[in-house]
């Protein structure tokens, strides 16, 4: 469920679980850091398939 539009999803999920969007900041920060690592370090995105034999 993390596809564009992320902003709309944040507001819908915050309403469902009854927390404020500002309380999701640590999770979104971690998500963006992991996304940046996978995007800019190509070996991270190909490591698991290589290790499993694909």
Protein backbone atom coordinates (compact mmCIF):
# COMPACT_ATOMS: atom_id res chain seq x y z
CA UNK A 1 0.00 0.00 0.00
CA UNK A 2 2.99 2.30 -0.23
CA UNK A 3 2.53 3.58 -3.73
CA UNK A 4 1.86 7.06 -4.97
CA UNK A 5 -0.27 8.89 -3.71
CA UNK A 6 1.34 8.35 -0.32
CA UNK A 7 -0.21 11.49 1.15
CA UNK A 8 -3.78 10.31 0.63
CA UNK A 9 -2.93 6.91 2.10
CA UNK A 10 -1.43 8.56 5.20
CA UNK A 11 -4.63 10.43 5.94
CA UNK A 12 -6.85 7.41 5.33
CA UNK A 13 -4.71 5.14 7.51
CA UNK A 14 -4.49 7.73 10.27
CA UNK A 15 -8.28 7.88 10.34
CA UNK A 16 -8.59 4.09 10.40
CA UNK A 17 -6.13 3.54 13.26
CA UNK A 18 -7.12 6.79 14.98
CA UNK A 19 -3.70 8.41 15.30
CA UNK A 20 -2.45 11.72 14.02
CA UNK A 21 -0.31 11.93 10.90
CA UNK A 22 2.44 13.59 12.93
CA UNK A 23 2.76 10.40 15.00
CA UNK A 24 3.69 8.51 11.83
CA UNK A 25 6.80 10.64 11.25
CA UNK A 26 9.35 8.09 12.57
CA UNK A 27 7.91 5.38 10.34
CA UNK A 28 7.86 7.59 7.27
CA UNK A 29 11.44 8.68 7.96
CA UNK A 30 12.55 5.05 8.16
CA UNK A 31 10.63 4.28 4.96
CA UNK A 32 12.30 7.13 3.08
CA UNK A 33 15.78 6.15 4.31
CA UNK A 34 15.30 2.54 3.19
CA UNK A 35 13.86 3.70 -0.12
CA UNK A 36 16.88 5.95 -0.70
CA UNK A 37 19.30 3.14 0.14
CA UNK A 38 17.63 0.71 -2.25
CA UNK A 39 17.43 3.36 -4.96
CA UNK A 40 20.99 4.61 -4.83
CA UNK A 41 22.82 1.41 -3.88
CA UNK A 42 21.86 -1.06 -6.58
CA UNK A 43 23.52 -4.04 -4.92
CA UNK A 44 20.96 -3.93 -2.10
CA UNK A 45 18.05 -4.54 -4.45
CA UNK A 46 19.74 -7.45 -6.22
CA UNK A 47 21.34 -9.12 -3.19
CA UNK A 48 18.39 -11.26 -2.07
CA UNK A 49 17.51 -12.68 -5.51
CA UNK A 50 21.16 -13.54 -6.10
CA UNK A 51 21.43 -15.26 -2.71
CA UNK A 52 18.32 -17.37 -3.42
CA UNK A 53 19.57 -18.42 -6.84
CA UNK A 54 17.46 -16.31 -9.19
